[in-house]
Amino acid sequence: MSCALKICGVTRAEDVEACRAAGAEAIGLNFWRGSKRVVSRAQAERLREAAHRPGDTPPLKVVGVFVDHAPHEVLQIAHAVQLDYVQPHGDAAPGPFAALGIPWVWVVRGTPDLAQLDPPRPPPSWVLLDAHVPNYGGEGTRTDWEWAASAVRTLAPTPVWLAGGITPSNALEAKTVVGAAGLDVASGAENPGVRDGTKDAERIARLARICHNRGS
């Protein structure tokens, strides 16, 4: 079973190119000022331009990651940067973001009671399962993969992606155990000890090979 790959927290054009060369489906641009991977709007516009090269079929999708932004701020940035999807995090209810008219990603943090999971309307493009950590991901912390596998079944037919602590060393296990439609990787695409969000092209390539059943 193959799955899609999103490399999150991209900050450099060369990392966008590494994602394209590897065959990743999407990149994430982080607009949260509390992240070491934050990008300015001007940076985001340049990265989005690098991701949407003429002739690319399909183009690399660009997801904007927001934490506790007001819906009108998300809408403004999404239109200015021409984001393909928005991914809101934080304590606010997701309903207002779902109503913006932009494809969106519903983030479920931790392991809540599956019986209580009720996707807002209009529905998300996919659901992202992530660990419940103080800095909203990117810390290399795994969520419970057995719980995640149950969530994949419970939320079907909505696609479910997995984030949190995924690396080239465990991506195959994550894909096999959870059965997610996609893997979302930030720190796992960086060399250990990296503090500025710089990605590693070989780690991205390895993750893509695993996701797309091309070996490891």
N, C-alpha and C. Protein backbone atom coordinates (compact mmCIF):
# COMPACT_ATOMS: atom_id res chain seq x y z
N MET A 1 0.84 -1.20 0.00
CA MET A 1 0.00 0.00 0.00
C MET A 1 0.88 1.25 0.00
N SER A 2 0.65 2.12 -0.96
CA SER A 2 1.40 3.37 -1.00
C SER A 2 0.63 4.45 -0.25
N CYS A 3 1.31 5.54 0.06
CA CYS A 3 0.66 6.67 0.70
C CYS A 3 1.34 7.94 0.22
N ALA A 4 0.69 9.07 0.45
CA ALA A 4 1.23 10.35 0.06
C ALA A 4 2.25 10.83 1.10
N LEU A 5 3.03 11.84 0.72
CA LEU A 5 4.05 12.40 1.61
C LEU A 5 3.97 13.92 1.58
N LYS A 6 3.90 14.50 2.78
CA LYS A 6 4.00 15.95 2.95
C LYS A 6 5.22 16.25 3.81
N ILE A 7 6.07 17.14 3.33
CA ILE A 7 7.21 17.60 4.12
C ILE A 7 6.83 18.96 4.69
N CYS A 8 6.76 19.04 6.00
CA CYS A 8 6.26 20.24 6.66
C CYS A 8 7.40 21.09 7.22
N GLY A 9 7.14 22.39 7.32
CA GLY A 9 8.15 23.29 7.85
C GLY A 9 9.25 23.60 6.86
N VAL A 10 8.91 23.67 5.57
CA VAL A 10 9.89 23.98 4.54
C VAL A 10 10.17 25.49 4.56
N THR A 11 11.45 25.85 4.47
CA THR A 11 11.82 27.27 4.54
C THR A 11 12.71 27.71 3.39
N ARG A 12 13.20 26.78 2.56
CA ARG A 12 14.17 27.12 1.52
C ARG A 12 13.72 26.58 0.16
N ALA A 13 14.04 27.31 -0.90
CA ALA A 13 13.69 26.88 -2.25
C ALA A 13 14.36 25.56 -2.60
N GLU A 14 15.59 25.36 -2.11
CA GLU A 14 16.28 24.10 -2.43
C GLU A 14 15.60 22.90 -1.77
N ASP A 15 14.93 23.14 -0.66
CA ASP A 15 14.19 22.05 -0.03
C ASP A 15 12.88 21.76 -0.78
N VAL A 16 12.29 22.81 -1.36
CA VAL A 16 11.14 22.60 -2.24
C VAL A 16 11.56 21.73 -3.42
N GLU A 17 12.72 22.04 -3.99
CA GLU A 17 13.20 21.26 -5.14
C GLU A 17 13.49 19.82 -4.74
N ALA A 18 14.02 19.60 -3.53
CA ALA A 18 14.26 18.23 -3.07
C ALA A 18 12.95 17.46 -2.94
N CYS A 19 11.90 18.14 -2.48
CA CYS A 19 10.59 17.50 -2.37
C CYS A 19 10.05 17.14 -3.75
N ARG A 20 10.22 18.06 -4.70
CA ARG A 20 9.76 17.78 -6.06
C ARG A 20 10.53 16.61 -6.66
N ALA A 21 11.84 16.64 -6.52
CA ALA A 21 12.67 15.58 -7.10
C ALA A 21 12.34 14.22 -6.52
N ALA A 22 11.98 14.19 -5.24
CA ALA A 22 11.66 12.92 -4.58
C ALA A 22 10.26 12.42 -4.92
N GLY A 23 9.40 13.31 -5.40
CA GLY A 23 8.04 12.92 -5.71
C GLY A 23 7.06 13.11 -4.56
N ALA A 24 7.41 13.97 -3.59
CA ALA A 24 6.46 14.27 -2.51
C ALA A 24 5.22 14.94 -3.08
N GLU A 25 4.11 14.75 -2.40
CA GLU A 25 2.86 15.34 -2.87
C GLU A 25 2.62 16.75 -2.37
N ALA A 26 3.18 17.11 -1.21
CA ALA A 26 2.85 18.41 -0.62
C ALA A 26 3.98 18.90 0.27
N ILE A 27 4.01 20.21 0.47
CA ILE A 27 4.90 20.83 1.45
C ILE A 27 4.04 21.67 2.39
N GLY A 28 4.55 21.88 3.60
CA GLY A 28 3.87 22.72 4.57
C GLY A 28 4.70 23.96 4.86
N LEU A 29 4.05 25.12 4.85
CA LEU A 29 4.69 26.39 5.21
C LEU A 29 4.11 26.85 6.53
N ASN A 30 4.97 27.10 7.50
CA ASN A 30 4.53 27.39 8.87
C ASN A 30 4.48 28.91 9.09
N PHE A 31 3.30 29.41 9.42
CA PHE A 31 3.12 30.85 9.66
C PHE A 31 3.05 31.19 11.15
N TRP A 32 3.33 30.20 12.00
CA TRP A 32 3.30 30.45 13.44
C TRP A 32 4.62 31.04 13.90
N ARG A 33 4.59 32.21 14.51
CA ARG A 33 5.83 32.89 14.91
C ARG A 33 6.58 32.12 15.99
N GLY A 34 5.92 31.21 16.68
CA GLY A 34 6.58 30.45 17.73
C GLY A 34 7.40 29.28 17.21
N SER A 35 7.39 29.05 15.91
CA SER A 35 8.11 27.90 15.33
C SER A 35 9.47 28.32 14.80
N LYS A 36 10.45 27.43 14.95
CA LYS A 36 11.76 27.68 14.34
C LYS A 36 11.68 27.60 12.82
N ARG A 37 10.59 27.07 12.31
CA ARG A 37 10.41 26.92 10.86
C ARG A 37 9.48 27.97 10.28
N VAL A 38 9.23 29.05 11.00
CA VAL A 38 8.31 30.07 10.53
C VAL A 38 8.84 30.74 9.27
N VAL A 39 7.91 31.09 8.37
CA VAL A 39 8.28 31.85 7.17
C VAL A 39 7.45 33.13 7.14
N SER A 40 8.03 34.17 6.56
CA SER A 40 7.31 35.41 6.35
C SER A 40 6.39 35.25 5.14
N ARG A 41 5.50 36.19 4.95
CA ARG A 41 4.62 36.11 3.80
C ARG A 41 5.43 36.20 2.51
N ALA A 42 6.44 37.05 2.49
CA ALA A 42 7.27 37.17 1.29
C ALA A 42 8.01 35.86 0.99
N GLN A 43 8.56 35.24 2.03
CA GLN A 43 9.19 33.92 1.84
C GLN A 43 8.19 32.91 1.31
N ALA A 44 7.00 32.92 1.89
CA ALA A 44 5.97 31.96 1.49
C ALA A 44 5.59 32.13 0.03
N GLU A 45 5.50 33.36 -0.43
CA GLU A 45 5.16 33.60 -1.82
C GLU A 45 6.24 33.04 -2.75
N ARG A 46 7.50 33.21 -2.36
CA ARG A 46 8.60 32.67 -3.18
C ARG A 46 8.59 31.15 -3.18
N LEU A 47 8.32 30.56 -2.03
CA LEU A 47 8.30 29.09 -1.93
C LEU A 47 7.12 28.51 -2.69
N ARG A 48 5.99 29.19 -2.62
CA ARG A 48 4.83 28.73 -3.38
C ARG A 48 5.12 28.80 -4.87
N GLU A 49 5.78 29.86 -5.31
CA GLU A 49 6.15 29.98 -6.73
C GLU A 49 7.09 28.84 -7.13
N ALA A 50 8.03 28.50 -6.24
CA ALA A 50 8.96 27.40 -6.53
C ALA A 50 8.22 26.06 -6.59
N ALA A 51 7.15 25.93 -5.81
CA ALA A 51 6.42 24.66 -5.77
C ALA A 51 5.50 24.49 -6.97
N HIS A 52 5.04 25.59 -7.56
CA HIS A 52 4.11 25.54 -8.68
C HIS A 52 4.82 25.95 -9.97
N ARG A 53 5.76 25.13 -10.40
CA ARG A 53 6.46 25.42 -11.64
C ARG A 53 5.59 25.09 -12.84
N PRO A 54 5.63 25.92 -13.88
CA PRO A 54 4.85 25.61 -15.09
C PRO A 54 5.22 24.23 -15.64
N GLY A 55 4.22 23.48 -15.98
CA GLY A 55 4.45 22.16 -16.57
C GLY A 55 4.44 21.03 -15.58
N ASP A 56 4.50 21.32 -14.29
CA ASP A 56 4.45 20.25 -13.29
C ASP A 56 3.04 19.65 -13.25
N THR A 57 2.95 18.34 -13.40
CA THR A 57 1.66 17.66 -13.38
C THR A 57 1.75 16.41 -12.52
N PRO A 58 1.09 16.39 -11.35
CA PRO A 58 0.43 17.54 -10.73
C PRO A 58 1.46 18.42 -10.03
N PRO A 59 1.12 19.68 -9.73
CA PRO A 59 2.06 20.52 -9.00
C PRO A 59 2.19 20.08 -7.55
N LEU A 60 3.28 20.45 -6.93
CA LEU A 60 3.48 20.20 -5.51
C LEU A 60 2.48 21.07 -4.74
N LYS A 61 1.65 20.45 -3.93
CA LYS A 61 0.63 21.20 -3.20
C LYS A 61 1.27 21.93 -2.02
N VAL A 62 0.73 23.12 -1.72
CA VAL A 62 1.28 23.96 -0.66
C VAL A 62 0.22 24.14 0.42
N VAL A 63 0.58 23.73 1.64
CA VAL A 63 -0.33 23.78 2.79
C VAL A 63 0.17 24.84 3.76
N GLY A 64 -0.68 25.76 4.13
CA GLY A 64 -0.32 26.77 5.13
C GLY A 64 -0.69 26.29 6.52
N VAL A 65 0.28 26.32 7.44
CA VAL A 65 0.09 25.86 8.82
C VAL A 65 -0.07 27.08 9.72
N PHE A 66 -1.18 27.14 10.44
CA PHE A 66 -1.51 28.30 11.27
C PHE A 66 -1.80 27.84 12.70
N VAL A 67 -1.38 28.64 13.67
CA VAL A 67 -1.65 28.34 15.08
C VAL A 67 -2.29 29.56 15.73
N ASP A 68 -3.53 29.41 16.14
CA ASP A 68 -4.28 30.46 16.83
C ASP A 68 -4.38 31.76 16.02
N HIS A 69 -4.35 31.65 14.70
CA HIS A 69 -4.66 32.80 13.86
C HIS A 69 -6.18 32.96 13.79
N ALA A 70 -6.62 34.18 13.64
CA ALA A 70 -8.05 34.43 13.42
C ALA A 70 -8.41 33.99 12.01
N PRO A 71 -9.64 33.54 11.80
CA PRO A 71 -10.03 33.11 10.46
C PRO A 71 -9.77 34.14 9.37
N HIS A 72 -10.01 35.43 9.66
CA HIS A 72 -9.80 36.44 8.61
C HIS A 72 -8.32 36.56 8.26
N GLU A 73 -7.42 36.32 9.24
CA GLU A 73 -5.98 36.34 8.95
C GLU A 73 -5.59 35.17 8.06
N VAL A 74 -6.16 34.00 8.36
CA VAL A 74 -5.88 32.82 7.54
C VAL A 74 -6.35 33.05 6.11
N LEU A 75 -7.54 33.61 5.97
CA LEU A 75 -8.09 33.86 4.64
C LEU A 75 -7.22 34.85 3.87
N GLN A 76 -6.78 35.89 4.53
CA GLN A 76 -5.96 36.91 3.88
C GLN A 76 -4.64 36.32 3.38
N ILE A 77 -3.98 35.56 4.25
CA ILE A 77 -2.69 34.97 3.87
C ILE A 77 -2.89 33.92 2.78
N ALA A 78 -3.93 33.11 2.92
CA ALA A 78 -4.18 32.06 1.93
C ALA A 78 -4.36 32.65 0.54
N HIS A 79 -5.09 33.76 0.44
CA HIS A 79 -5.29 34.39 -0.86
C HIS A 79 -4.02 35.05 -1.36
N ALA A 80 -3.28 35.71 -0.46
CA ALA A 80 -2.06 36.42 -0.89
C ALA A 80 -1.01 35.44 -1.40
N VAL A 81 -0.86 34.32 -0.71
CA VAL A 81 0.18 33.35 -1.06
C VAL A 81 -0.33 32.33 -2.10
N GLN A 82 -1.65 32.26 -2.27
CA GLN A 82 -2.28 31.28 -3.15
C GLN A 82 -2.03 29.85 -2.63
N LEU A 83 -2.35 29.66 -1.36
CA LEU A 83 -2.20 28.35 -0.75
C LEU A 83 -3.22 27.38 -1.33
N ASP A 84 -2.82 26.11 -1.41
CA ASP A 84 -3.74 25.08 -1.87
C ASP A 84 -4.64 24.59 -0.74
N TYR A 85 -4.09 24.57 0.49
CA TYR A 85 -4.84 24.11 1.66
C TYR A 85 -4.42 24.96 2.85
N VAL A 86 -5.29 25.04 3.86
CA VAL A 86 -4.93 25.63 5.14
C VAL A 86 -5.07 24.57 6.22
N GLN A 87 -4.18 24.62 7.20
CA GLN A 87 -4.12 23.62 8.27
C GLN A 87 -4.11 24.37 9.61
N PRO A 88 -5.28 24.68 10.18
CA PRO A 88 -5.33 25.42 11.43
C PRO A 88 -5.07 24.54 12.65
N HIS A 89 -4.25 25.05 13.55
CA HIS A 89 -4.01 24.42 14.85
C HIS A 89 -4.44 25.41 15.93
N GLY A 90 -4.53 24.92 17.15
CA GLY A 90 -4.82 25.81 18.26
C GLY A 90 -6.09 25.41 18.99
N ASP A 91 -6.52 26.29 19.88
CA ASP A 91 -7.64 25.97 20.76
C ASP A 91 -9.00 26.36 20.17
N ALA A 92 -9.00 27.13 19.09
CA ALA A 92 -10.27 27.56 18.52
C ALA A 92 -10.98 26.41 17.82
N ALA A 93 -12.30 26.45 17.82
CA ALA A 93 -13.09 25.44 17.12
C ALA A 93 -12.81 25.53 15.62
N PRO A 94 -12.78 24.40 14.93
CA PRO A 94 -12.42 24.41 13.52
C PRO A 94 -13.52 24.90 12.59
N GLY A 95 -14.74 25.00 13.06
CA GLY A 95 -15.85 25.35 12.20
C GLY A 95 -15.64 26.61 11.36
N PRO A 96 -15.20 27.74 11.96
CA PRO A 96 -15.00 28.95 11.17
C PRO A 96 -13.95 28.79 10.07
N PHE A 97 -12.94 27.95 10.29
CA PHE A 97 -11.92 27.73 9.26
C PHE A 97 -12.48 26.85 8.14
N ALA A 98 -13.32 25.90 8.52
CA ALA A 98 -13.95 25.05 7.52
C ALA A 98 -14.85 25.87 6.60
N ALA A 99 -15.38 26.97 7.12
CA ALA A 99 -16.33 27.77 6.36
C ALA A 99 -15.66 28.83 5.49
N LEU A 100 -14.34 28.87 5.43
CA LEU A 100 -13.65 29.91 4.67
C LEU A 100 -13.74 29.71 3.16
N GLY A 101 -14.13 28.52 2.74
CA GLY A 101 -14.20 28.26 1.31
C GLY A 101 -12.88 27.84 0.70
N ILE A 102 -11.92 27.45 1.54
CA ILE A 102 -10.61 27.00 1.10
C ILE A 102 -10.45 25.54 1.54
N PRO A 103 -9.91 24.67 0.70
CA PRO A 103 -9.65 23.30 1.17
C PRO A 103 -8.84 23.34 2.46
N TRP A 104 -9.23 22.51 3.42
CA TRP A 104 -8.60 22.61 4.73
C TRP A 104 -8.31 21.24 5.31
N VAL A 105 -7.41 21.23 6.31
CA VAL A 105 -6.98 20.02 6.98
C VAL A 105 -7.41 20.11 8.45
N TRP A 106 -8.12 19.10 8.91
CA TRP A 106 -8.56 19.06 10.31
C TRP A 106 -7.51 18.32 11.13
N VAL A 107 -6.93 18.99 12.11
CA VAL A 107 -5.88 18.41 12.95
C VAL A 107 -6.50 17.87 14.23
N VAL A 108 -6.23 16.60 14.51
CA VAL A 108 -6.66 15.96 15.75
C VAL A 108 -5.41 15.65 16.55
N ARG A 109 -5.27 16.29 17.70
CA ARG A 109 -4.06 16.12 18.53
C ARG A 109 -4.35 15.15 19.67
N GLY A 110 -3.37 14.29 19.93
CA GLY A 110 -3.53 13.35 21.02
C GLY A 110 -4.40 12.17 20.62
N THR A 111 -5.07 11.59 21.60
CA THR A 111 -5.88 10.39 21.36
C THR A 111 -7.27 10.55 21.98
N PRO A 112 -8.07 11.48 21.45
CA PRO A 112 -9.41 11.67 22.02
C PRO A 112 -10.31 10.46 21.76
N ASP A 113 -11.42 10.43 22.45
CA ASP A 113 -12.40 9.37 22.28
C ASP A 113 -12.90 9.38 20.83
N LEU A 114 -12.71 8.27 20.15
CA LEU A 114 -13.09 8.22 18.74
C LEU A 114 -14.58 8.43 18.54
N ALA A 115 -15.36 8.04 19.51
CA ALA A 115 -16.81 8.20 19.39
C ALA A 115 -17.21 9.68 19.37
N GLN A 116 -16.32 10.54 19.86
CA GLN A 116 -16.62 11.97 19.93
C GLN A 116 -16.08 12.74 18.73
N LEU A 117 -15.37 12.08 17.85
CA LEU A 117 -14.80 12.77 16.69
C LEU A 117 -15.89 13.00 15.65
N ASP A 118 -16.19 14.25 15.41
CA ASP A 118 -17.26 14.60 14.47
C ASP A 118 -16.73 15.70 13.55
N PRO A 119 -16.25 15.36 12.36
CA PRO A 119 -15.68 16.37 11.46
C PRO A 119 -16.67 17.49 11.17
N PRO A 120 -16.20 18.73 11.20
CA PRO A 120 -17.08 19.87 10.89
C PRO A 120 -17.51 19.83 9.43
N ARG A 121 -18.47 20.67 9.11
CA ARG A 121 -18.92 20.82 7.73
C ARG A 121 -18.66 22.25 7.28
N PRO A 122 -18.22 22.45 6.03
CA PRO A 122 -17.90 21.43 5.04
C PRO A 122 -16.72 20.57 5.48
N PRO A 123 -16.66 19.35 4.99
CA PRO A 123 -15.67 18.40 5.50
C PRO A 123 -14.25 18.78 5.09
N PRO A 124 -13.27 18.32 5.86
CA PRO A 124 -11.87 18.60 5.51
C PRO A 124 -11.42 17.77 4.32
N SER A 125 -10.36 18.24 3.68
CA SER A 125 -9.75 17.45 2.60
C SER A 125 -9.13 16.19 3.16
N TRP A 126 -8.54 16.29 4.36
CA TRP A 126 -8.09 15.12 5.08
C TRP A 126 -7.98 15.46 6.56
N VAL A 127 -7.88 14.45 7.38
CA VAL A 127 -7.68 14.59 8.82
C VAL A 127 -6.22 14.27 9.12
N LEU A 128 -5.59 15.10 9.94
CA LEU A 128 -4.20 14.87 10.34
C LEU A 128 -4.15 14.49 11.82
N LEU A 129 -3.63 13.31 12.11
CA LEU A 129 -3.47 12.85 13.49
C LEU A 129 -2.07 13.20 13.95
N ASP A 130 -1.96 13.92 15.06
CA ASP A 130 -0.66 14.37 15.54
C ASP A 130 -0.58 14.18 17.05
N ALA A 131 0.64 14.14 17.56
CA ALA A 131 0.85 14.04 19.00
C ALA A 131 0.42 15.35 19.67
N HIS A 132 0.01 15.25 20.92
CA HIS A 132 -0.36 16.44 21.69
C HIS A 132 0.89 16.95 22.40
N VAL A 133 1.55 17.93 21.76
CA VAL A 133 2.77 18.50 22.32
C VAL A 133 2.61 20.01 22.44
N PRO A 134 3.39 20.66 23.32
CA PRO A 134 3.21 22.10 23.55
C PRO A 134 3.39 22.96 22.31
N ASN A 135 4.27 22.55 21.40
CA ASN A 135 4.60 23.42 20.26
C ASN A 135 3.91 23.00 18.97
N TYR A 136 2.81 22.27 19.09
CA TYR A 136 1.97 21.96 17.93
C TYR A 136 2.72 21.23 16.83
N GLY A 137 3.48 20.23 17.20
CA GLY A 137 4.16 19.40 16.20
C GLY A 137 5.58 19.87 15.92
N GLY A 138 6.26 19.07 15.10
CA GLY A 138 7.64 19.40 14.76
C GLY A 138 8.64 19.08 15.84
N GLU A 139 8.21 18.35 16.87
CA GLU A 139 9.09 18.03 17.99
C GLU A 139 9.57 16.58 17.95
N GLY A 140 9.14 15.84 16.94
CA GLY A 140 9.57 14.44 16.84
C GLY A 140 8.90 13.51 17.82
N THR A 141 7.70 13.87 18.29
CA THR A 141 6.97 13.06 19.27
C THR A 141 5.88 12.26 18.58
N ARG A 142 5.86 10.96 18.82
CA ARG A 142 4.87 10.08 18.19
C ARG A 142 3.55 10.13 18.93
N THR A 143 2.47 10.00 18.15
CA THR A 143 1.18 9.71 18.76
C THR A 143 1.05 8.19 18.88
N ASP A 144 -0.08 7.73 19.38
CA ASP A 144 -0.31 6.30 19.56
C ASP A 144 -0.74 5.70 18.22
N TRP A 145 0.11 4.88 17.61
CA TRP A 145 -0.18 4.38 16.27
C TRP A 145 -1.32 3.37 16.26
N GLU A 146 -1.50 2.60 17.32
CA GLU A 146 -2.63 1.68 17.37
C GLU A 146 -3.94 2.45 17.41
N TRP A 147 -3.97 3.52 18.22
CA TRP A 147 -5.15 4.39 18.24
C TRP A 147 -5.36 5.01 16.87
N ALA A 148 -4.27 5.44 16.23
CA ALA A 148 -4.36 6.07 14.92
C ALA A 148 -4.96 5.10 13.89
N ALA A 149 -4.59 3.83 13.97
CA ALA A 149 -5.15 2.84 13.05
C ALA A 149 -6.66 2.73 13.24
N SER A 150 -7.11 2.79 14.48
CA SER A 150 -8.55 2.77 14.74
C SER A 150 -9.22 4.03 14.20
N ALA A 151 -8.53 5.17 14.32
CA ALA A 151 -9.08 6.42 13.81
C ALA A 151 -9.23 6.38 12.29
N VAL A 152 -8.28 5.76 11.61
CA VAL A 152 -8.37 5.62 10.14
C VAL A 152 -9.66 4.90 9.77
N ARG A 153 -9.97 3.84 10.50
CA ARG A 153 -11.18 3.07 10.21
C ARG A 153 -12.44 3.85 10.59
N THR A 154 -12.39 4.53 11.73
CA THR A 154 -13.56 5.26 12.22
C THR A 154 -13.93 6.42 11.31
N LEU A 155 -12.92 7.11 10.79
CA LEU A 155 -13.16 8.34 10.01
C LEU A 155 -13.34 8.08 8.52
N ALA A 156 -13.19 6.84 8.08
CA ALA A 156 -13.40 6.51 6.67
C ALA A 156 -14.81 6.94 6.26
N PRO A 157 -14.98 7.46 5.03
CA PRO A 157 -14.02 7.49 3.92
C PRO A 157 -13.13 8.73 3.86
N THR A 158 -13.21 9.62 4.88
CA THR A 158 -12.32 10.78 4.87
C THR A 158 -10.88 10.32 4.97
N PRO A 159 -9.99 10.79 4.10
CA PRO A 159 -8.58 10.39 4.20
C PRO A 159 -7.97 10.84 5.52
N VAL A 160 -7.15 9.99 6.10
CA VAL A 160 -6.48 10.29 7.37
C VAL A 160 -4.97 10.20 7.17
N TRP A 161 -4.27 11.26 7.58
CA TRP A 161 -2.81 11.31 7.49
C TRP A 161 -2.25 11.22 8.90
N LEU A 162 -0.99 10.82 8.99
CA LEU A 162 -0.32 10.64 10.28
C LEU A 162 0.89 11.55 10.38
N ALA A 163 1.04 12.23 11.52
CA ALA A 163 2.21 13.05 11.81
C ALA A 163 2.76 12.66 13.17
N GLY A 164 3.94 13.16 13.47
CA GLY A 164 4.51 12.97 14.80
C GLY A 164 5.56 11.90 14.88
N GLY A 165 6.83 12.31 14.92
CA GLY A 165 7.92 11.38 15.17
C GLY A 165 8.22 10.42 14.03
N ILE A 166 7.80 10.73 12.82
CA ILE A 166 8.05 9.85 11.68
C ILE A 166 9.41 10.19 11.07
N THR A 167 10.23 9.17 10.84
CA THR A 167 11.57 9.31 10.28
C THR A 167 11.75 8.27 9.18
N PRO A 168 12.84 8.37 8.42
CA PRO A 168 13.10 7.31 7.45
C PRO A 168 13.25 5.93 8.08
N SER A 169 13.61 5.89 9.36
CA SER A 169 13.81 4.60 10.03
C SER A 169 12.51 3.92 10.43
N ASN A 170 11.45 4.69 10.66
CA ASN A 170 10.20 4.07 11.11
C ASN A 170 9.02 4.33 10.18
N ALA A 171 9.25 4.99 9.05
CA ALA A 171 8.15 5.34 8.15
C ALA A 171 7.42 4.11 7.62
N LEU A 172 8.18 3.05 7.31
CA LEU A 172 7.54 1.83 6.81
C LEU A 172 6.64 1.23 7.87
N GLU A 173 7.11 1.19 9.12
CA GLU A 173 6.29 0.68 10.21
C GLU A 173 5.04 1.55 10.40
N ALA A 174 5.22 2.87 10.36
CA ALA A 174 4.08 3.77 10.53
C ALA A 174 3.04 3.54 9.45
N LYS A 175 3.51 3.44 8.22
CA LYS A 175 2.60 3.22 7.09
C LYS A 175 1.86 1.90 7.22
N THR A 176 2.58 0.87 7.64
CA THR A 176 2.00 -0.48 7.72
C THR A 176 1.01 -0.60 8.88
N VAL A 177 1.40 -0.09 10.04
CA VAL A 177 0.56 -0.23 11.24
C VAL A 177 -0.71 0.61 11.15
N VAL A 178 -0.55 1.85 10.69
CA VAL A 178 -1.67 2.79 10.73
C VAL A 178 -2.54 2.72 9.49
N GLY A 179 -1.95 2.47 8.34
CA GLY A 179 -2.73 2.44 7.11
C GLY A 179 -3.22 3.82 6.71
N ALA A 180 -2.45 4.85 7.02
CA ALA A 180 -2.86 6.22 6.73
C ALA A 180 -2.74 6.52 5.24
N ALA A 181 -3.51 7.50 4.79
CA ALA A 181 -3.46 7.93 3.39
C ALA A 181 -2.20 8.73 3.09
N GLY A 182 -1.58 9.29 4.13
CA GLY A 182 -0.37 10.08 3.94
C GLY A 182 0.42 10.20 5.21
N LEU A 183 1.71 10.49 5.07
CA LEU A 183 2.59 10.76 6.20
C LEU A 183 3.02 12.22 6.12
N ASP A 184 3.02 12.89 7.27
CA ASP A 184 3.36 14.31 7.37
C ASP A 184 4.61 14.40 8.24
N VAL A 185 5.72 14.87 7.67
CA VAL A 185 7.01 14.79 8.34
C VAL A 185 7.66 16.17 8.39
N ALA A 186 8.14 16.56 9.56
CA ALA A 186 8.89 17.82 9.72
C ALA A 186 10.31 17.51 10.19
N SER A 187 10.48 17.26 11.49
CA SER A 187 11.83 17.03 12.01
C SER A 187 12.45 15.76 11.44
N GLY A 188 11.63 14.78 11.05
CA GLY A 188 12.16 13.55 10.49
C GLY A 188 12.79 13.71 9.13
N ALA A 189 12.57 14.88 8.49
CA ALA A 189 13.21 15.18 7.21
C ALA A 189 14.44 16.07 7.40
N GLU A 190 14.85 16.24 8.66
CA GLU A 190 16.01 17.06 8.99
C GLU A 190 17.08 16.20 9.65
N ASN A 191 18.32 16.59 9.50
CA ASN A 191 19.38 15.89 10.21
C ASN A 191 19.29 16.18 11.70
N PRO A 192 19.63 15.20 12.56
CA PRO A 192 19.55 15.42 14.00
C PRO A 192 20.36 16.65 14.42
N GLY A 193 19.76 17.43 15.30
CA GLY A 193 20.44 18.61 15.81
C GLY A 193 20.20 19.87 15.02
N VAL A 194 19.50 19.77 13.89
CA VAL A 194 19.21 20.95 13.08
C VAL A 194 18.28 21.89 13.85
N ARG A 195 18.61 23.18 13.86
CA ARG A 195 17.82 24.14 14.64
C ARG A 195 17.11 25.17 13.78
N ASP A 196 17.34 25.17 12.47
CA ASP A 196 16.77 26.23 11.64
C ASP A 196 15.74 25.72 10.64
N GLY A 197 15.37 24.43 10.74
CA GLY A 197 14.37 23.90 9.84
C GLY A 197 14.90 23.41 8.51
N THR A 198 16.21 23.50 8.29
CA THR A 198 16.80 23.05 7.03
C THR A 198 16.55 21.56 6.82
N LYS A 199 16.05 21.20 5.66
CA LYS A 199 15.77 19.79 5.36
C LYS A 199 16.98 19.12 4.72
N ASP A 200 16.93 17.79 4.71
CA ASP A 200 17.99 16.97 4.12
C ASP A 200 17.41 16.23 2.93
N ALA A 201 18.00 16.45 1.75
CA ALA A 201 17.44 15.90 0.52
C ALA A 201 17.42 14.37 0.53
N GLU A 202 18.43 13.74 1.10
CA GLU A 202 18.47 12.27 1.12
C GLU A 202 17.39 11.71 2.04
N ARG A 203 17.15 12.36 3.17
CA ARG A 203 16.08 11.89 4.05
C ARG A 203 14.71 12.05 3.39
N ILE A 204 14.51 13.15 2.67
CA ILE A 204 13.26 13.33 1.94
C ILE A 204 13.11 12.23 0.90
N ALA A 205 14.18 11.94 0.18
CA ALA A 205 14.13 10.91 -0.86
C ALA A 205 13.82 9.55 -0.26
N ARG A 206 14.41 9.23 0.89
CA ARG A 206 14.14 7.94 1.53
C ARG A 206 12.69 7.85 1.97
N LEU A 207 12.17 8.92 2.54
CA LEU A 207 10.77 8.92 2.96
C LEU A 207 9.84 8.72 1.76
N ALA A 208 10.15 9.37 0.64
CA ALA A 208 9.31 9.23 -0.55
C ALA A 208 9.36 7.83 -1.10
N ARG A 209 10.54 7.21 -1.10
CA ARG A 209 10.65 5.84 -1.59
C ARG A 209 9.79 4.89 -0.75
N ILE A 210 9.80 5.10 0.56
CA ILE A 210 9.00 4.25 1.44
C ILE A 210 7.51 4.48 1.20
N CYS A 211 7.10 5.75 1.12
CA CYS A 211 5.69 6.06 0.92
C CYS A 211 5.17 5.50 -0.39
N HIS A 212 6.03 5.52 -1.41
CA HIS A 212 5.58 5.14 -2.76
C HIS A 212 6.00 3.72 -3.14
N ASN A 213 6.41 2.94 -2.14
CA ASN A 213 6.73 1.53 -2.37
C ASN A 213 7.88 1.35 -3.36
N ARG A 214 8.90 2.21 -3.24
CA ARG A 214 10.05 2.08 -4.11
C ARG A 214 11.29 1.63 -3.34
N GLY A 215 11.08 0.97 -2.22
CA GLY A 215 12.20 0.53 -1.40
C GLY A 215 12.49 1.55 -0.32
N SER A 216 13.69 1.45 0.27
CA SER A 216 14.06 2.35 1.36
C SER A 216 15.48 2.87 1.18
